[in-house]
N, C-alpha and C. Protein backbone atom coordinates (compact mmCIF):
# COMPACT_ATOMS: atom_id res chain seq x y z
N GLY A 1 -16.28 13.34 28.71
CA GLY A 1 -17.37 13.70 27.93
C GLY A 1 -17.37 12.65 26.51
N LYS A 2 -18.36 12.77 25.63
CA LYS A 2 -18.20 11.91 24.66
C LYS A 2 -17.51 12.60 23.34
N ALA A 3 -16.81 11.60 22.68
CA ALA A 3 -16.09 12.30 21.53
C ALA A 3 -17.10 12.42 20.18
N ASN A 4 -18.09 11.59 20.27
CA ASN A 4 -19.12 11.60 19.16
C ASN A 4 -18.47 11.29 17.97
N LEU A 5 -17.55 10.17 18.06
CA LEU A 5 -16.86 9.44 16.85
C LEU A 5 -17.89 8.59 15.94
N LYS A 6 -17.54 8.57 14.92
CA LYS A 6 -18.36 7.58 13.88
C LYS A 6 -17.51 6.67 13.10
N LEU A 7 -17.82 5.36 12.97
CA LEU A 7 -17.10 4.52 12.15
C LEU A 7 -17.66 4.72 10.76
N LYS A 8 -16.80 4.59 9.54
CA LYS A 8 -17.51 4.46 8.22
C LYS A 8 -16.92 2.80 7.89
N TRP A 9 -17.93 2.10 7.72
CA TRP A 9 -17.82 0.81 7.84
C TRP A 9 -17.04 0.40 6.39
N SER A 10 -17.24 1.18 5.24
CA SER A 10 -16.54 1.04 4.05
C SER A 10 -15.09 0.87 4.35
N LYS A 11 -14.55 1.81 5.36
CA LYS A 11 -13.01 2.11 5.91
C LYS A 11 -12.52 1.18 6.71
N CYS A 12 -13.38 0.14 7.26
CA CYS A 12 -12.98 -0.69 8.32
C CYS A 12 -12.61 -1.80 7.98
N SER A 13 -11.62 -2.56 8.47
CA SER A 13 -11.38 -3.94 8.02
C SER A 13 -10.96 -4.67 9.57
N PHE A 14 -11.43 -6.05 9.56
CA PHE A 14 -11.07 -6.85 10.57
C PHE A 14 -10.42 -8.03 10.40
N ALA A 15 -9.75 -8.63 11.54
CA ALA A 15 -9.03 -9.74 11.48
C ALA A 15 -7.96 -9.90 10.26
N LYS A 16 -7.11 -8.62 10.38
CA LYS A 16 -6.04 -8.68 9.15
C LYS A 16 -4.82 -8.92 10.15
N ASN A 17 -4.01 -9.78 9.29
CA ASN A 17 -2.48 -10.02 9.81
C ASN A 17 -1.41 -8.83 9.89
N ILE A 18 -1.97 -7.98 9.10
CA ILE A 18 -1.00 -6.84 8.69
C ILE A 18 -1.80 -5.53 8.69
N LEU A 19 -1.49 -4.65 9.58
CA LEU A 19 -2.04 -3.08 9.40
C LEU A 19 -0.94 -1.96 8.89
N LYS A 20 -1.23 -1.52 8.14
CA LYS A 20 -0.43 -0.42 7.53
C LYS A 20 -1.01 1.05 8.00
N VAL A 21 -0.21 1.67 8.94
CA VAL A 21 -0.58 2.86 9.44
C VAL A 21 0.25 3.96 9.60
N LEU A 22 0.16 5.18 8.83
CA LEU A 22 1.05 6.30 9.15
C LEU A 22 2.42 5.95 8.56
N GLY A 23 2.60 5.38 7.45
CA GLY A 23 3.83 4.87 7.04
C GLY A 23 4.71 3.80 7.86
N HIS A 24 4.04 2.99 8.71
CA HIS A 24 4.61 2.07 9.41
C HIS A 24 3.53 0.58 9.04
N VAL A 25 4.26 -0.66 9.36
CA VAL A 25 3.56 -1.93 9.27
C VAL A 25 3.37 -2.43 10.49
N VAL A 26 2.33 -2.66 11.08
CA VAL A 26 2.10 -3.34 12.25
C VAL A 26 1.80 -5.08 12.18
N THR A 27 2.70 -5.77 12.77
CA THR A 27 2.24 -7.15 12.50
C THR A 27 2.28 -7.78 14.16
N LYS A 28 2.12 -8.99 14.16
CA LYS A 28 2.15 -9.68 15.38
C LYS A 28 3.63 -9.42 15.96
N GLU A 29 4.52 -9.60 15.09
CA GLU A 29 5.93 -9.58 15.36
C GLU A 29 6.31 -8.14 16.01
N GLY A 30 5.72 -7.24 15.56
CA GLY A 30 5.81 -5.65 16.13
C GLY A 30 5.69 -4.45 14.90
N VAL A 31 6.30 -3.58 15.30
CA VAL A 31 5.95 -2.19 14.59
C VAL A 31 7.52 -2.08 13.54
N GLY A 32 7.31 -2.09 12.25
CA GLY A 32 8.32 -1.66 11.22
C GLY A 32 7.79 -0.61 10.33
N PRO A 33 8.95 0.00 9.63
CA PRO A 33 8.68 0.86 8.48
C PRO A 33 7.93 0.03 7.31
N ASP A 34 7.18 0.76 6.50
CA ASP A 34 6.34 0.29 5.59
C ASP A 34 7.04 0.12 4.31
N PRO A 35 7.33 -0.82 3.80
CA PRO A 35 8.52 -1.00 2.72
C PRO A 35 8.17 -0.27 1.46
N GLU A 36 7.02 0.21 1.21
CA GLU A 36 6.70 0.87 0.09
C GLU A 36 7.25 2.58 0.42
N LYS A 37 7.01 2.80 1.71
CA LYS A 37 7.40 4.02 2.13
C LYS A 37 9.05 4.33 2.04
N LEU A 38 9.71 3.18 2.09
CA LEU A 38 11.07 3.11 2.21
C LEU A 38 11.68 3.34 0.88
N GLU A 39 10.89 3.05 -0.08
CA GLU A 39 11.44 3.38 -1.53
C GLU A 39 11.38 4.74 -1.67
N VAL A 40 10.53 5.52 -1.11
CA VAL A 40 10.70 6.87 -1.10
C VAL A 40 12.02 7.62 -0.67
N VAL A 41 12.59 7.00 0.40
CA VAL A 41 13.79 7.23 1.19
C VAL A 41 14.89 6.73 0.18
N GLU A 42 14.67 5.45 -0.31
CA GLU A 42 16.01 5.31 -1.19
C GLU A 42 15.99 5.83 -2.49
N ASN A 43 14.86 6.41 -3.08
CA ASN A 43 14.85 7.19 -4.39
C ASN A 43 14.92 8.59 -4.13
N PHE A 44 15.03 9.17 -2.80
CA PHE A 44 15.06 10.65 -2.84
C PHE A 44 15.91 11.14 -3.71
N PRO A 45 15.98 12.35 -4.24
CA PRO A 45 16.77 12.74 -5.29
C PRO A 45 18.02 13.56 -4.59
N SER A 46 19.09 13.17 -4.96
CA SER A 46 20.31 14.01 -4.34
C SER A 46 20.30 15.40 -4.87
N PRO A 47 20.93 16.25 -4.01
CA PRO A 47 20.97 17.76 -4.24
C PRO A 47 21.83 17.98 -5.83
N ALA A 48 21.29 18.28 -6.69
CA ALA A 48 21.94 18.51 -7.98
C ALA A 48 23.05 19.58 -8.18
N VAL A 49 23.93 18.97 -9.28
CA VAL A 49 24.96 19.88 -9.47
C VAL A 49 24.24 21.09 -10.22
N GLY A 50 24.70 22.39 -9.72
CA GLY A 50 24.26 23.55 -10.46
C GLY A 50 22.93 24.18 -9.60
N HIS A 51 22.62 23.59 -8.83
CA HIS A 51 21.36 24.42 -7.67
C HIS A 51 22.22 25.19 -6.77
N SER A 52 21.60 26.23 -6.48
CA SER A 52 22.02 27.02 -5.47
C SER A 52 22.22 26.27 -4.05
N THR A 53 23.22 26.88 -3.44
CA THR A 53 23.54 26.43 -2.24
C THR A 53 22.20 26.25 -1.23
N ALA A 54 21.34 27.29 -1.21
CA ALA A 54 20.35 27.38 -0.42
C ALA A 54 19.20 26.10 -0.78
N ASN A 55 19.12 25.75 -2.03
CA ASN A 55 18.24 24.66 -2.74
C ASN A 55 19.15 23.39 -2.23
N LYS A 56 20.39 23.20 -2.12
CA LYS A 56 21.15 22.01 -1.69
C LYS A 56 20.85 21.89 -0.29
N VAL A 57 20.94 22.90 0.59
CA VAL A 57 20.78 22.78 2.02
C VAL A 57 19.19 22.36 2.21
N LYS A 58 18.50 22.97 1.68
CA LYS A 58 16.81 22.45 1.66
C LYS A 58 16.58 21.25 1.60
N ARG A 59 17.25 20.54 0.49
CA ARG A 59 17.04 19.20 0.16
C ARG A 59 17.55 18.45 0.91
N VAL A 60 18.78 18.72 1.59
CA VAL A 60 19.58 17.69 2.72
C VAL A 60 18.62 17.82 3.83
N GLN A 61 18.14 19.16 4.25
CA GLN A 61 17.23 19.24 5.33
C GLN A 61 15.87 18.10 5.25
N SER A 62 15.39 18.51 4.09
CA SER A 62 14.25 17.58 3.87
C SER A 62 14.42 16.08 3.87
N PHE A 63 15.56 15.56 3.33
CA PHE A 63 15.92 14.21 3.56
C PHE A 63 16.19 13.82 4.92
N LEU A 64 16.81 14.64 5.87
CA LEU A 64 17.04 14.36 7.12
C LEU A 64 15.68 14.21 7.91
N GLY A 65 14.91 15.23 7.44
CA GLY A 65 13.41 15.03 8.25
C GLY A 65 12.68 13.90 7.95
N LEU A 66 12.88 13.51 6.81
CA LEU A 66 12.10 11.99 6.19
C LEU A 66 12.87 11.11 6.86
N CYS A 67 14.22 10.78 6.86
CA CYS A 67 14.84 9.70 7.70
C CYS A 67 14.65 9.64 9.19
N SER A 68 14.36 11.14 9.77
CA SER A 68 14.24 11.17 11.21
C SER A 68 12.91 10.64 11.35
N TYR A 69 11.87 10.49 10.60
CA TYR A 69 10.45 9.95 11.05
C TYR A 69 10.86 8.51 11.07
N TYR A 70 11.71 7.74 10.76
CA TYR A 70 11.87 6.31 10.59
C TYR A 70 13.18 6.20 11.56
N ARG A 71 13.57 7.06 12.52
CA ARG A 71 14.87 6.82 13.27
C ARG A 71 14.61 5.75 14.04
N ARG A 72 13.55 5.46 14.56
CA ARG A 72 13.42 4.31 15.76
C ARG A 72 13.88 2.85 15.20
N HIS A 73 13.65 2.97 13.72
CA HIS A 73 14.15 1.94 12.83
C HIS A 73 15.42 1.76 12.40
N ILE A 74 16.12 2.87 12.33
CA ILE A 74 17.41 2.94 11.69
C ILE A 74 18.56 2.87 12.88
N GLN A 75 19.29 1.87 13.07
CA GLN A 75 20.31 1.61 14.02
C GLN A 75 21.51 2.61 13.94
N ASN A 76 21.75 3.12 15.32
CA ASN A 76 22.72 4.20 15.25
C ASN A 76 22.40 5.46 14.48
N PHE A 77 21.32 5.84 14.48
CA PHE A 77 20.57 7.14 13.92
C PHE A 77 20.66 8.10 15.14
N ALA A 78 21.58 9.13 14.50
CA ALA A 78 21.85 10.34 15.59
C ALA A 78 22.05 11.45 14.79
């Protein structure tokens, strides 16, 4: 069947050397993490002293989830 998809020309671009999509950068060399998105990982707040243990656990889980999104680009990620 038909998907009935339509393009919005104002959101289309053609003949690009770099494509940013879903937190990744696609070039002729391959796919890699978007450097702008990696800043979020680098600047992720650490669990603060004085917060509850549950809050600290939640922050660590959030950080691991964020890192896991880029796991294919992180050597020895396990």
